[in-house]
Amino acid sequence: MELRMIKSDVENAEALAEVEKLMLNEPEPGTADYERMMIMALLIKTYEDERYRGEFKTPDPIGAIKFALERKGLKKKDLVPCVGPMNRVYDILNGKRSLTLRMIRKLHKAFDIPLEILVQA
């Protein structure tokens, strides 16, 4: 593939396939293959940043909590140590009650949810 700006999803897919092949060969820094791989990665990033700008949003705290439970195969009751009684768990998950700083700290520690996501308003 010629090194030039990527202008379509098809060209992007072709570039991704070529970069993947180059990565599998683990080129040494300073070699032509390494330089090509790095330039193509920048072209891909530039295209994807422009193409998908604004389409990916940071998850809301409740969505992140639900995702963490699903990812770990846990149930709502597993939130009790972090949030409190089940009625509070349901209130939190239904958006009827806000997370406290104490809950945020516990959820972050127990489920590895980034603090930046949990502290959103």
PDB file of N, CA and C in Angstrom:
ATOM      1  N   MET A   1       0.849  -1.183   0.000  1.00  0.00           N
ATOM      2  CA  MET A   1       0.000   0.000   0.000  1.00  0.00           C
ATOM      3  C   MET A   1       0.889   1.239   0.000  1.00  0.00           C
ATOM      4  N   GLU A   2       0.510   2.167  -0.819  1.00  0.00           N
ATOM      5  CA  GLU A   2       1.230   3.438  -0.908  1.00  0.00           C
ATOM      6  C   GLU A   2       0.978   4.265   0.356  1.00  0.00           C
ATOM      7  N   LEU A   3       2.016   4.925   0.844  1.00  0.00           N
ATOM      8  CA  LEU A   3       1.854   5.770   2.026  1.00  0.00           C
ATOM      9  C   LEU A   3       1.228   7.093   1.614  1.00  0.00           C
ATOM     10  N   ARG A   4      -0.038   7.265   2.003  1.00  0.00           N
ATOM     11  CA  ARG A   4      -0.767   8.499   1.730  1.00  0.00           C
ATOM     12  C   ARG A   4      -1.928   8.592   2.710  1.00  0.00           C
ATOM     13  N   MET A   5      -2.547   9.733   2.753  1.00  0.00           N
ATOM     14  CA  MET A   5      -3.666   9.929   3.668  1.00  0.00           C
ATOM     15  C   MET A   5      -4.758   8.910   3.370  1.00  0.00           C
ATOM     16  N   ILE A   6      -5.374   8.393   4.420  1.00  0.00           N
ATOM     17  CA  ILE A   6      -6.464   7.424   4.296  1.00  0.00           C
ATOM     18  C   ILE A   6      -7.758   8.211   4.144  1.00  0.00           C
ATOM     19  N   LYS A   7      -8.564   7.832   3.135  1.00  0.00           N
ATOM     20  CA  LYS A   7      -9.766   8.612   2.828  1.00  0.00           C
ATOM     21  C   LYS A   7     -11.066   7.820   2.912  1.00  0.00           C
ATOM     22  N   SER A   8     -10.989   6.520   3.222  1.00  0.00           N
ATOM     23  CA  SER A   8     -12.217   5.728   3.293  1.00  0.00           C
ATOM     24  C   SER A   8     -12.044   4.583   4.289  1.00  0.00           C
ATOM     25  N   ASP A   9     -13.170   4.002   4.657  1.00  0.00           N
ATOM     26  CA  ASP A   9     -13.128   2.848   5.560  1.00  0.00           C
ATOM     27  C   ASP A   9     -12.417   1.665   4.906  1.00  0.00           C
ATOM     28  N   VAL A  10     -12.553   1.534   3.594  1.00  0.00           N
ATOM     29  CA  VAL A  10     -11.885   0.440   2.875  1.00  0.00           C
ATOM     30  C   VAL A  10     -10.368   0.626   2.948  1.00  0.00           C
ATOM     31  N   GLU A  11      -9.897   1.836   2.666  1.00  0.00           N
ATOM     32  CA  GLU A  11      -8.459   2.108   2.758  1.00  0.00           C
ATOM     33  C   GLU A  11      -7.967   1.908   4.184  1.00  0.00           C
ATOM     34  N   ASN A  12      -8.785   2.280   5.157  1.00  0.00           N
ATOM     35  CA  ASN A  12      -8.408   2.110   6.555  1.00  0.00           C
ATOM     36  C   ASN A  12      -8.268   0.627   6.899  1.00  0.00           C
ATOM     37  N   ALA A  13      -9.202  -0.194   6.422  1.00  0.00           N
ATOM     38  CA  ALA A  13      -9.136  -1.637   6.670  1.00  0.00           C
ATOM     39  C   ALA A  13      -7.881  -2.238   6.040  1.00  0.00           C
ATOM     40  N   GLU A  14      -7.541  -1.784   4.847  1.00  0.00           N
ATOM     41  CA  GLU A  14      -6.329  -2.273   4.183  1.00  0.00           C
ATOM     42  C   GLU A  14      -5.084  -1.880   4.984  1.00  0.00           C
ATOM     43  N   ALA A  15      -5.076  -0.648   5.460  1.00  0.00           N
ATOM     44  CA  ALA A  15      -3.934  -0.176   6.246  1.00  0.00           C
ATOM     45  C   ALA A  15      -3.817  -0.957   7.554  1.00  0.00           C
ATOM     46  N   LEU A  16      -4.942  -1.199   8.204  1.00  0.00           N
ATOM     47  CA  LEU A  16      -4.930  -1.981   9.451  1.00  0.00           C
ATOM     48  C   LEU A  16      -4.380  -3.380   9.212  1.00  0.00           C
ATOM     49  N   ALA A  17      -4.780  -4.001   8.102  1.00  0.00           N
ATOM     50  CA  ALA A  17      -4.295  -5.348   7.785  1.00  0.00           C
ATOM     51  C   ALA A  17      -2.787  -5.341   7.571  1.00  0.00           C
ATOM     52  N   GLU A  18      -2.288  -4.320   6.890  1.00  0.00           N
ATOM     53  CA  GLU A  18      -0.847  -4.253   6.648  1.00  0.00           C
ATOM     54  C   GLU A  18      -0.078  -3.999   7.944  1.00  0.00           C
ATOM     55  N   VAL A  19      -0.588  -3.126   8.776  1.00  0.00           N
ATOM     56  CA  VAL A  19       0.076  -2.853  10.060  1.00  0.00           C
ATOM     57  C   VAL A  19       0.089  -4.109  10.922  1.00  0.00           C
ATOM     58  N   GLU A  20      -1.003  -4.850  10.899  1.00  0.00           N
ATOM     59  CA  GLU A  20      -1.058  -6.091  11.673  1.00  0.00           C
ATOM     60  C   GLU A  20       0.023  -7.066  11.215  1.00  0.00           C
ATOM     61  N   LYS A  21       0.192  -7.202   9.907  1.00  0.00           N
ATOM     62  CA  LYS A  21       1.232  -8.089   9.373  1.00  0.00           C
ATOM     63  C   LYS A  21       2.618  -7.622   9.817  1.00  0.00           C
ATOM     64  N   LEU A  22       2.829  -6.314   9.738  1.00  0.00           N
ATOM     65  CA  LEU A  22       4.135  -5.776  10.152  1.00  0.00           C
ATOM     66  C   LEU A  22       4.373  -6.028  11.634  1.00  0.00           C
ATOM     67  N   MET A  23       3.331  -5.838  12.447  1.00  0.00           N
ATOM     68  CA  MET A  23       3.478  -6.035  13.891  1.00  0.00           C
ATOM     69  C   MET A  23       3.812  -7.487  14.227  1.00  0.00           C
ATOM     70  N   LEU A  24       3.222  -8.406  13.501  1.00  0.00           N
ATOM     71  CA  LEU A  24       3.483  -9.829  13.752  1.00  0.00           C
ATOM     72  C   LEU A  24       4.950 -10.183  13.510  1.00  0.00           C
ATOM     73  N   ASN A  25       5.595  -9.457  12.606  1.00  0.00           N
ATOM     74  CA  ASN A  25       7.011  -9.691  12.318  1.00  0.00           C
ATOM     75  C   ASN A  25       7.939  -8.985  13.301  1.00  0.00           C
ATOM     76  N   GLU A  26       7.370  -8.167  14.183  1.00  0.00           N
ATOM     77  CA  GLU A  26       8.135  -7.439  15.206  1.00  0.00           C
ATOM     78  C   GLU A  26       9.396  -6.783  14.627  1.00  0.00           C
ATOM     79  N   PRO A  27       9.222  -5.812  13.732  1.00  0.00           N
ATOM     80  CA  PRO A  27      10.397  -5.166  13.146  1.00  0.00           C
ATOM     81  C   PRO A  27      11.207  -4.391  14.186  1.00  0.00           C
ATOM     82  N   GLU A  28      12.486  -4.372  13.995  1.00  0.00           N
ATOM     83  CA  GLU A  28      13.391  -3.656  14.903  1.00  0.00           C
ATOM     84  C   GLU A  28      13.287  -2.157  14.654  1.00  0.00           C
ATOM     85  N   PRO A  29      13.311  -1.351  15.728  1.00  0.00           N
ATOM     86  CA  PRO A  29      13.318   0.102  15.544  1.00  0.00           C
ATOM     87  C   PRO A  29      14.467   0.523  14.634  1.00  0.00           C
ATOM     88  N   GLY A  30      14.146   1.473  13.771  1.00  0.00           N
ATOM     89  CA  GLY A  30      15.149   1.979  12.842  1.00  0.00           C
ATOM     90  C   GLY A  30      15.129   1.299  11.486  1.00  0.00           C
ATOM     91  N   THR A  31      14.464   0.144  11.378  1.00  0.00           N
ATOM     92  CA  THR A  31      14.395  -0.539  10.087  1.00  0.00           C
ATOM     93  C   THR A  31      13.283   0.080   9.238  1.00  0.00           C
ATOM     94  N   ALA A  32      13.323  -0.191   7.936  1.00  0.00           N
ATOM     95  CA  ALA A  32      12.319   0.342   7.016  1.00  0.00           C
ATOM     96  C   ALA A  32      10.922  -0.162   7.388  1.00  0.00           C
ATOM     97  N   ASP A  33      10.810  -1.443   7.757  1.00  0.00           N
ATOM     98  CA  ASP A  33       9.506  -1.984   8.134  1.00  0.00           C
ATOM     99  C   ASP A  33       8.962  -1.315   9.392  1.00  0.00           C
ATOM    100  N   TYR A  34       9.844  -1.058  10.331  1.00  0.00           N
ATOM    101  CA  TYR A  34       9.424  -0.388  11.570  1.00  0.00           C
ATOM    102  C   TYR A  34       8.926   1.022  11.260  1.00  0.00           C
ATOM    103  N   GLU A  35       9.673   1.756  10.452  1.00  0.00           N
ATOM    104  CA  GLU A  35       9.282   3.116  10.092  1.00  0.00           C
ATOM    105  C   GLU A  35       7.946   3.109   9.346  1.00  0.00           C
ATOM    106  N   ARG A  36       7.765   2.174   8.425  1.00  0.00           N
ATOM    107  CA  ARG A  36       6.517   2.058   7.672  1.00  0.00           C
ATOM    108  C   ARG A  36       5.354   1.765   8.624  1.00  0.00           C
ATOM    109  N   MET A  37       5.577   0.846   9.549  1.00  0.00           N
ATOM    110  CA  MET A  37       4.542   0.496  10.508  1.00  0.00           C
ATOM    111  C   MET A  37       4.130   1.716  11.330  1.00  0.00           C
ATOM    112  N   MET A  38       5.093   2.479  11.801  1.00  0.00           N
ATOM    113  CA  MET A  38       4.804   3.646  12.630  1.00  0.00           C
ATOM    114  C   MET A  38       4.082   4.737  11.833  1.00  0.00           C
ATOM    115  N   ILE A  39       4.507   4.974  10.608  1.00  0.00           N
ATOM    116  CA  ILE A  39       3.851   5.987   9.772  1.00  0.00           C
ATOM    117  C   ILE A  39       2.420   5.563   9.458  1.00  0.00           C
ATOM    118  N   MET A  40       2.240   4.292   9.138  1.00  0.00           N
ATOM    119  CA  MET A  40       0.894   3.811   8.845  1.00  0.00           C
ATOM    120  C   MET A  40      -0.009   3.905  10.084  1.00  0.00           C
ATOM    121  N   ALA A  41       0.551   3.620  11.245  1.00  0.00           N
ATOM    122  CA  ALA A  41      -0.230   3.737  12.478  1.00  0.00           C
ATOM    123  C   ALA A  41      -0.686   5.182  12.685  1.00  0.00           C
ATOM    124  N   LEU A  42       0.174   6.133  12.387  1.00  0.00           N
ATOM    125  CA  LEU A  42      -0.209   7.548  12.496  1.00  0.00           C
ATOM    126  C   LEU A  42      -1.292   7.907  11.481  1.00  0.00           C
ATOM    127  N   LEU A  43      -1.179   7.398  10.273  1.00  0.00           N
ATOM    128  CA  LEU A  43      -2.200   7.656   9.256  1.00  0.00           C
ATOM    129  C   LEU A  43      -3.551   7.064   9.685  1.00  0.00           C
ATOM    130  N   ILE A  44      -3.517   5.863  10.235  1.00  0.00           N
ATOM    131  CA  ILE A  44      -4.738   5.219  10.722  1.00  0.00           C
ATOM    132  C   ILE A  44      -5.343   6.039  11.859  1.00  0.00           C
ATOM    133  N   LYS A  45      -4.519   6.440  12.804  1.00  0.00           N
ATOM    134  CA  LYS A  45      -5.004   7.228  13.940  1.00  0.00           C
ATOM    135  C   LYS A  45      -5.631   8.531  13.466  1.00  0.00           C
ATOM    136  N   THR A  46      -4.980   9.206  12.531  1.00  0.00           N
ATOM    137  CA  THR A  46      -5.499  10.467  12.005  1.00  0.00           C
ATOM    138  C   THR A  46      -6.869  10.250  11.361  1.00  0.00           C
ATOM    139  N   TYR A  47      -6.967   9.210  10.536  1.00  0.00           N
ATOM    140  CA  TYR A  47      -8.241   8.917   9.877  1.00  0.00           C
ATOM    141  C   TYR A  47      -9.327   8.591  10.909  1.00  0.00           C
ATOM    142  N   GLU A  48      -9.019   7.701  11.856  1.00  0.00           N
ATOM    143  CA  GLU A  48     -10.023   7.270  12.820  1.00  0.00           C
ATOM    144  C   GLU A  48     -10.420   8.385  13.778  1.00  0.00           C
ATOM    145  N   ASP A  49      -9.472   9.236  14.155  1.00  0.00           N
ATOM    146  CA  ASP A  49      -9.818  10.376  15.012  1.00  0.00           C
ATOM    147  C   ASP A  49     -10.829  11.284  14.314  1.00  0.00           C
ATOM    148  N   GLU A  50     -10.611  11.528  13.043  1.00  0.00           N
ATOM    149  CA  GLU A  50     -11.512  12.381  12.274  1.00  0.00           C
ATOM    150  C   GLU A  50     -12.839  11.673  11.995  1.00  0.00           C
ATOM    151  N   ARG A  51     -12.769  10.428  11.603  1.00  0.00           N
ATOM    152  CA  ARG A  51     -13.954   9.660  11.205  1.00  0.00           C
ATOM    153  C   ARG A  51     -14.896   9.413  12.372  1.00  0.00           C
ATOM    154  N   TYR A  52     -14.340   9.108  13.521  1.00  0.00           N
ATOM    155  CA  TYR A  52     -15.168   8.720  14.658  1.00  0.00           C
ATOM    156  C   TYR A  52     -15.251   9.792  15.742  1.00  0.00           C
ATOM    157  N   ARG A  53     -14.886  11.011  15.402  1.00  0.00           N
ATOM    158  CA  ARG A  53     -14.909  12.104  16.373  1.00  0.00           C
ATOM    159  C   ARG A  53     -16.309  12.245  16.971  1.00  0.00           C
ATOM    160  N   GLY A  54     -16.378  12.223  18.274  1.00  0.00           N
ATOM    161  CA  GLY A  54     -17.638  12.425  18.966  1.00  0.00           C
ATOM    162  C   GLY A  54     -18.527  11.203  19.070  1.00  0.00           C
ATOM    163  N   GLU A  55     -18.169  10.096  18.431  1.00  0.00           N
ATOM    164  CA  GLU A  55     -19.019   8.913  18.478  1.00  0.00           C
ATOM    165  C   GLU A  55     -18.819   8.085  19.735  1.00  0.00           C
ATOM    166  N   PHE A  56     -17.654   8.216  20.356  1.00  0.00           N
ATOM    167  CA  PHE A  56     -17.369   7.437  21.557  1.00  0.00           C
ATOM    168  C   PHE A  56     -17.440   8.356  22.763  1.00  0.00           C
ATOM    169  N   LYS A  57     -18.335   8.029  23.660  1.00  0.00           N
ATOM    170  CA  LYS A  57     -18.506   8.842  24.852  1.00  0.00           C
ATOM    171  C   LYS A  57     -18.068   8.041  26.069  1.00  0.00           C
ATOM    172  N   THR A  58     -17.623   8.760  27.076  1.00  0.00           N
ATOM    173  CA  THR A  58     -17.262   8.128  28.329  1.00  0.00           C
ATOM    174  C   THR A  58     -18.533   7.558  28.951  1.00  0.00           C
ATOM    175  N   PRO A  59     -18.492   6.337  29.433  1.00  0.00           N
ATOM    176  CA  PRO A  59     -19.698   5.765  30.033  1.00  0.00           C
ATOM    177  C   PRO A  59     -20.098   6.522  31.290  1.00  0.00           C
ATOM    178  N   ASP A  60     -21.397   6.505  31.567  1.00  0.00           N
ATOM    179  CA  ASP A  60     -21.864   7.130  32.799  1.00  0.00           C
ATOM    180  C   ASP A  60     -21.530   6.191  33.961  1.00  0.00           C
ATOM    181  N   PRO A  61     -21.525   6.713  35.187  1.00  0.00           N
ATOM    182  CA  PRO A  61     -21.140   5.882  36.340  1.00  0.00           C
ATOM    183  C   PRO A  61     -21.999   4.621  36.494  1.00  0.00           C
ATOM    184  N   ILE A  62     -23.296   4.744  36.306  1.00  0.00           N
ATOM    185  CA  ILE A  62     -24.177   3.588  36.482  1.00  0.00           C
ATOM    186  C   ILE A  62     -23.903   2.538  35.403  1.00  0.00           C
ATOM    187  N   GLY A  63     -23.733   2.989  34.176  1.00  0.00           N
ATOM    188  CA  GLY A  63     -23.394   2.071  33.091  1.00  0.00           C
ATOM    189  C   GLY A  63     -22.081   1.355  33.361  1.00  0.00           C
ATOM    190  N   ALA A  64     -21.111   2.084  33.908  1.00  0.00           N
ATOM    191  CA  ALA A  64     -19.812   1.487  34.221  1.00  0.00           C
ATOM    192  C   ALA A  64     -19.935   0.444  35.335  1.00  0.00           C
ATOM    193  N   ILE A  65     -20.763   0.725  36.315  1.00  0.00           N
ATOM    194  CA  ILE A  65     -20.972  -0.234  37.412  1.00  0.00           C
ATOM    195  C   ILE A  65     -21.640  -1.499  36.875  1.00  0.00           C
ATOM    196  N   LYS A  66     -22.679  -1.328  36.064  1.00  0.00           N
ATOM    197  CA  LYS A  66     -23.374  -2.485  35.489  1.00  0.00           C
ATOM    198  C   LYS A  66     -22.435  -3.298  34.608  1.00  0.00           C
ATOM    199  N   PHE A  67     -21.602  -2.615  33.828  1.00  0.00           N
ATOM    200  CA  PHE A  67     -20.641  -3.311  32.973  1.00  0.00           C
ATOM    201  C   PHE A  67     -19.638  -4.085  33.818  1.00  0.00           C
ATOM    202  N   ALA A  68     -19.167  -3.482  34.910  1.00  0.00           N
ATOM    203  CA  ALA A  68     -18.202  -4.163  35.789  1.00  0.00           C
ATOM    204  C   ALA A  68     -18.808  -5.424  36.386  1.00  0.00           C
ATOM    205  N   LEU A  69     -20.066  -5.353  36.783  1.00  0.00           N
ATOM    206  CA  LEU A  69     -20.740  -6.538  37.327  1.00  0.00           C
ATOM    207  C   LEU A  69     -20.835  -7.630  36.261  1.00  0.00           C
ATOM    208  N   GLU A  70     -21.264  -7.235  35.076  1.00  0.00           N
ATOM    209  CA  GLU A  70     -21.414  -8.203  33.980  1.00  0.00           C
ATOM    210  C   GLU A  70     -20.080  -8.835  33.613  1.00  0.00           C
ATOM    211  N   ARG A  71     -19.055  -8.000  33.515  1.00  0.00           N
ATOM    212  CA  ARG A  71     -17.716  -8.475  33.129  1.00  0.00           C
ATOM    213  C   ARG A  71     -17.187  -9.507  34.107  1.00  0.00           C
ATOM    214  N   LYS A  72     -17.492  -9.309  35.388  1.00  0.00           N
ATOM    215  CA  LYS A  72     -16.982 -10.221  36.413  1.00  0.00           C
ATOM    216  C   LYS A  72     -17.970 -11.327  36.766  1.00  0.00           C
ATOM    217  N   GLY A  73     -19.120 -11.333  36.081  1.00  0.00           N
ATOM    218  CA  GLY A  73     -20.119 -12.364  36.351  1.00  0.00           C
ATOM    219  C   GLY A  73     -20.747 -12.242  37.728  1.00  0.00           C
ATOM    220  N   LEU A  74     -20.908 -11.021  38.189  1.00  0.00           N
ATOM    221  CA  LEU A  74     -21.453 -10.783  39.529  1.00  0.00           C
ATOM    222  C   LEU A  74     -22.911 -10.345  39.463  1.00  0.00           C
ATOM    223  N   LYS A  75     -23.552 -10.334  40.610  1.00  0.00           N
ATOM    224  CA  LYS A  75     -24.956  -9.930  40.749  1.00  0.00           C
ATOM    225  C   LYS A  75     -25.034  -8.590  41.478  1.00  0.00           C
ATOM    226  N   LYS A  76     -26.203  -7.993  41.434  1.00  0.00           N
ATOM    227  CA  LYS A  76     -26.416  -6.705  42.106  1.00  0.00           C
ATOM    228  C   LYS A  76     -26.096  -6.797  43.598  1.00  0.00           C
ATOM    229  N   LYS A  77     -26.381  -7.935  44.197  1.00  0.00           N
ATOM    230  CA  LYS A  77     -26.113  -8.108  45.633  1.00  0.00           C
ATOM    231  C   LYS A  77     -24.625  -7.957  45.962  1.00  0.00           C
ATOM    232  N   ASP A  78     -23.759  -8.146  44.946  1.00  0.00           N
ATOM    233  CA  ASP A  78     -22.327  -8.001  45.168  1.00  0.00           C
ATOM    234  C   ASP A  78     -21.911  -6.536  45.343  1.00  0.00           C
ATOM    235  N   LEU A  79     -22.849  -5.625  45.122  1.00  0.00           N
ATOM    236  CA  LEU A  79     -22.577  -4.202  45.352  1.00  0.00           C
ATOM    237  C   LEU A  79     -22.807  -3.788  46.809  1.00  0.00           C
ATOM    238  N   VAL A  80     -23.472  -4.625  47.573  1.00  0.00           N
ATOM    239  CA  VAL A  80     -23.812  -4.298  48.965  1.00  0.00           C
ATOM    240  C   VAL A  80     -22.599  -3.850  49.784  1.00  0.00           C
ATOM    241  N   PRO A  81     -21.445  -4.522  49.719  1.00  0.00           N
ATOM    242  CA  PRO A  81     -20.304  -4.064  50.527  1.00  0.00           C
ATOM    243  C   PRO A  81     -19.824  -2.654  50.159  1.00  0.00           C
ATOM    244  N   CYS A  82     -20.082  -2.237  48.941  1.00  0.00           N
ATOM    245  CA  CYS A  82     -19.624  -0.921  48.494  1.00  0.00           C
ATOM    246  C   CYS A  82     -20.678   0.165  48.655  1.00  0.00           C
ATOM    247  N   VAL A  83     -21.943  -0.227  48.521  1.00  0.00           N
ATOM    248  CA  VAL A  83     -23.024   0.758  48.461  1.00  0.00           C
ATOM    249  C   VAL A  83     -23.906   0.751  49.704  1.00  0.00           C
ATOM    250  N   GLY A  84     -24.132  -0.417  50.260  1.00  0.00           N
ATOM    251  CA  GLY A  84     -25.030  -0.530  51.401  1.00  0.00           C
ATOM    252  C   GLY A  84     -26.147  -1.501  51.088  1.00  0.00           C
ATOM    253  N   PRO A  85     -27.248  -1.424  51.840  1.00  0.00           N
ATOM    254  CA  PRO A  85     -28.347  -2.390  51.692  1.00  0.00           C
ATOM    255  C   PRO A  85     -28.908  -2.450  50.260  1.00  0.00           C
ATOM    256  N   MET A  86     -29.606  -3.537  49.957  1.00  0.00           N
ATOM    257  CA  MET A  86     -30.121  -3.756  48.602  1.00  0.00           C
ATOM    258  C   MET A  86     -31.032  -2.632  48.133  1.00  0.00           C
ATOM    259  N   ASN A  87     -31.840  -2.051  49.028  1.00  0.00           N
ATOM    260  CA  ASN A  87     -32.706  -0.961  48.582  1.00  0.00           C
ATOM    261  C   ASN A  87     -31.864   0.222  48.084  1.00  0.00           C
ATOM    262  N   ARG A  88     -30.719   0.443  48.689  1.00  0.00           N
ATOM    263  CA  ARG A  88     -29.814   1.513  48.245  1.00  0.00           C
ATOM    264  C   ARG A  88     -29.162   1.137  46.910  1.00  0.00           C
ATOM    265  N   VAL A  89     -28.796  -0.141  46.766  1.00  0.00           N
ATOM    266  CA  VAL A  89     -28.233  -0.615  45.502  1.00  0.00           C
ATOM    267  C   VAL A  89     -29.219  -0.321  44.380  1.00  0.00           C
ATOM    268  N   TYR A  90     -30.497  -0.691  44.575  1.00  0.00           N
ATOM    269  CA  TYR A  90     -31.512  -0.457  43.541  1.00  0.00           C
ATOM    270  C   TYR A  90     -31.702   1.039  43.278  1.00  0.00           C
ATOM    271  N   ASP A  91     -31.691   1.841  44.328  1.00  0.00           N
ATOM    272  CA  ASP A  91     -31.829   3.293  44.144  1.00  0.00           C
ATOM    273  C   ASP A  91     -30.676   3.854  43.318  1.00  0.00           C
ATOM    274  N   ILE A  92     -29.465   3.395  43.597  1.00  0.00           N
ATOM    275  CA  ILE A  92     -28.289   3.850  42.846  1.00  0.00           C
ATOM    276  C   ILE A  92     -28.421   3.430  41.378  1.00  0.00           C
ATOM    277  N   LEU A  93     -28.698   2.156  41.142  1.00  0.00           N
ATOM    278  CA  LEU A  93     -28.751   1.633  39.778  1.00  0.00           C
ATOM    279  C   LEU A  93     -29.913   2.222  38.967  1.00  0.00           C
ATOM    280  N   ASN A  94     -30.959   2.680  39.651  1.00  0.00           N
ATOM    281  CA  ASN A  94     -32.097   3.285  38.955  1.00  0.00           C
ATOM    282  C   ASN A  94     -31.994   4.806  38.886  1.00  0.00           C
ATOM    283  N   GLY A  95     -30.876   5.358  39.370  1.00  0.00           N
ATOM    284  CA  GLY A  95     -30.660   6.796  39.289  1.00  0.00           C
ATOM    285  C   GLY A  95     -31.460   7.624  40.274  1.00  0.00           C
ATOM    286  N   LYS A  96     -32.002   6.989  41.295  1.00  0.00           N
ATOM    287  CA  LYS A  96     -32.791   7.699  42.305  1.00  0.00           C
ATOM    288  C   LYS A  96     -31.931   8.259  43.434  1.00  0.00           C
ATOM    289  N   ARG A  97     -30.701   7.784  43.510  1.00  0.00           N
ATOM    290  CA  ARG A  97     -29.777   8.207  44.571  1.00  0.00           C
ATOM    291  C   ARG A  97     -28.408   8.375  43.939  1.00  0.00           C
ATOM    292  N   SER A  98     -27.675   9.367  44.407  1.00  0.00           N
ATOM    293  CA  SER A  98     -26.326   9.623  43.895  1.00  0.00           C
ATOM    294  C   SER A  98     -25.291   8.825  44.671  1.00  0.00           C
ATOM    295  N   LEU A  99     -24.179   8.590  44.018  1.00  0.00           N
ATOM    296  CA  LEU A  99     -23.053   7.950  44.697  1.00  0.00           C
ATOM    297  C   LEU A  99     -22.407   8.937  45.659  1.00  0.00           C
ATOM    298  N   THR A 100     -22.025   8.451  46.816  1.00  0.00           N
ATOM    299  CA  THR A 100     -21.277   9.282  47.748  1.00  0.00           C
ATOM    300  C   THR A 100     -19.782   9.076  47.482  1.00  0.00           C
ATOM    301  N   LEU A 101     -18.979   9.943  48.034  1.00  0.00           N
ATOM    302  CA  LEU A 101     -17.536   9.807  47.880  1.00  0.00           C
ATOM    303  C   LEU A 101     -17.051   8.476  48.444  1.00  0.00           C
ATOM    304  N   ARG A 102     -17.604   8.063  49.550  1.00  0.00           N
ATOM    305  CA  ARG A 102     -17.229   6.777  50.161  1.00  0.00           C
ATOM    306  C   ARG A 102     -17.569   5.609  49.231  1.00  0.00           C
ATOM    307  N   MET A 103     -18.763   5.652  48.625  1.00  0.00           N
ATOM    308  CA  MET A 103     -19.165   4.600  47.683  1.00  0.00           C
ATOM    309  C   MET A 103     -18.230   4.586  46.479  1.00  0.00           C
ATOM    310  N   ILE A 104     -17.916   5.760  45.973  1.00  0.00           N
ATOM    311  CA  ILE A 104     -17.033   5.875  44.810  1.00  0.00           C
ATOM    312  C   ILE A 104     -15.688   5.222  45.096  1.00  0.00           C
ATOM    313  N   ARG A 105     -15.129   5.521  46.243  1.00  0.00           N
ATOM    314  CA  ARG A 105     -13.835   4.923  46.608  1.00  0.00           C
ATOM    315  C   ARG A 105     -13.923   3.402  46.676  1.00  0.00           C
ATOM    316  N   LYS A 106     -14.978   2.903  47.300  1.00  0.00           N
ATOM    317  CA  LYS A 106     -15.134   1.453  47.442  1.00  0.00           C
ATOM    318  C   LYS A 106     -15.361   0.780  46.084  1.00  0.00           C
ATOM    319  N   LEU A 107     -16.187   1.382  45.243  1.00  0.00           N
ATOM    320  CA  LEU A 107     -16.451   0.821  43.919  1.00  0.00           C
ATOM    321  C   LEU A 107     -15.185   0.808  43.065  1.00  0.00           C
ATOM    322  N   HIS A 108     -14.429   1.873  43.156  1.00  0.00           N
ATOM    323  CA  HIS A 108     -13.167   1.956  42.413  1.00  0.00           C
ATOM    324  C   HIS A 108     -12.218   0.839  42.844  1.00  0.00           C
ATOM    325  N   LYS A 109     -12.098   0.661  44.130  1.00  0.00           N
ATOM    326  CA  LYS A 109     -11.179  -0.347  44.655  1.00  0.00           C
ATOM    327  C   LYS A 109     -11.672  -1.770  44.361  1.00  0.00           C
ATOM    328  N   ALA A 110     -12.959  -2.016  44.518  1.00  0.00           N
ATOM    329  CA  ALA A 110     -13.497  -3.366  44.360  1.00  0.00           C
ATOM    330  C   ALA A 110     -13.639  -3.796  42.901  1.00  0.00           C
ATOM    331  N   PHE A 111     -13.955  -2.849  42.012  1.00  0.00           N
ATOM    332  CA  PHE A 111     -14.281  -3.225  40.635  1.00  0.00           C
ATOM    333  C   PHE A 111     -13.358  -2.606  39.587  1.00  0.00           C
ATOM    334  N   ASP A 112     -12.333  -1.902  40.022  1.00  0.00           N
ATOM    335  CA  ASP A 112     -11.380  -1.275  39.098  1.00  0.00           C
ATOM    336  C   ASP A 112     -12.047  -0.342  38.102  1.00  0.00           C
ATOM    337  N   ILE A 113     -13.085   0.348  38.526  1.00  0.00           N
ATOM    338  CA  ILE A 113     -13.737   1.343  37.673  1.00  0.00           C
ATOM    339  C   ILE A 113     -12.960   2.646  37.836  1.00  0.00           C
ATOM    340  N   PRO A 114     -12.534   3.271  36.745  1.00  0.00           N
ATOM    341  CA  PRO A 114     -11.767   4.511  36.870  1.00  0.00           C
ATOM    342  C   PRO A 114     -12.536   5.584  37.659  1.00  0.00           C
ATOM    343  N   LEU A 115     -11.819   6.267  38.521  1.00  0.00           N
ATOM    344  CA  LEU A 115     -12.435   7.329  39.326  1.00  0.00           C
ATOM    345  C   LEU A 115     -13.058   8.403  38.446  1.00  0.00           C
ATOM    346  N   GLU A 116     -12.435   8.705  37.298  1.00  0.00           N
ATOM    347  CA  GLU A 116     -12.945   9.758  36.412  1.00  0.00           C
ATOM    348  C   GLU A 116     -14.348   9.441  35.951  1.00  0.00           C
ATOM    349  N   ILE A 117     -14.667   8.168  35.813  1.00  0.00           N
ATOM    350  CA  ILE A 117     -16.007   7.772  35.387  1.00  0.00           C
ATOM    351  C   ILE A 117     -16.977   7.852  36.551  1.00  0.00           C
ATOM    352  N   LEU A 118     -16.563   7.400  37.715  1.00  0.00           N
ATOM    353  CA  LEU A 118     -17.456   7.366  38.873  1.00  0.00           C
ATOM    354  C   LEU A 118     -17.814   8.737  39.419  1.00  0.00           C
ATOM    355  N   VAL A 119     -16.972   9.719  39.246  1.00  0.00           N
ATOM    356  CA  VAL A 119     -17.245  11.042  39.824  1.00  0.00           C
ATOM    357  C   VAL A 119     -18.033  11.961  38.899  1.00  0.00           C
ATOM    358  N   GLN A 120     -18.393  11.483  37.713  1.00  0.00           N
ATOM    359  CA  GLN A 120     -19.183  12.310  36.805  1.00  0.00           C
ATOM    360  C   GLN A 120     -20.522  12.666  37.437  1.00  0.00           C
ATOM    361  N   ALA A 121     -21.003  13.849  37.104  1.00  0.00           N
ATOM    362  CA  ALA A 121     -22.311  14.274  37.632  1.00  0.00           C
ATOM    363  C   ALA A 121     -23.433  13.682  36.819  1.00  0.00           C
TER     364      ALA A 121
END
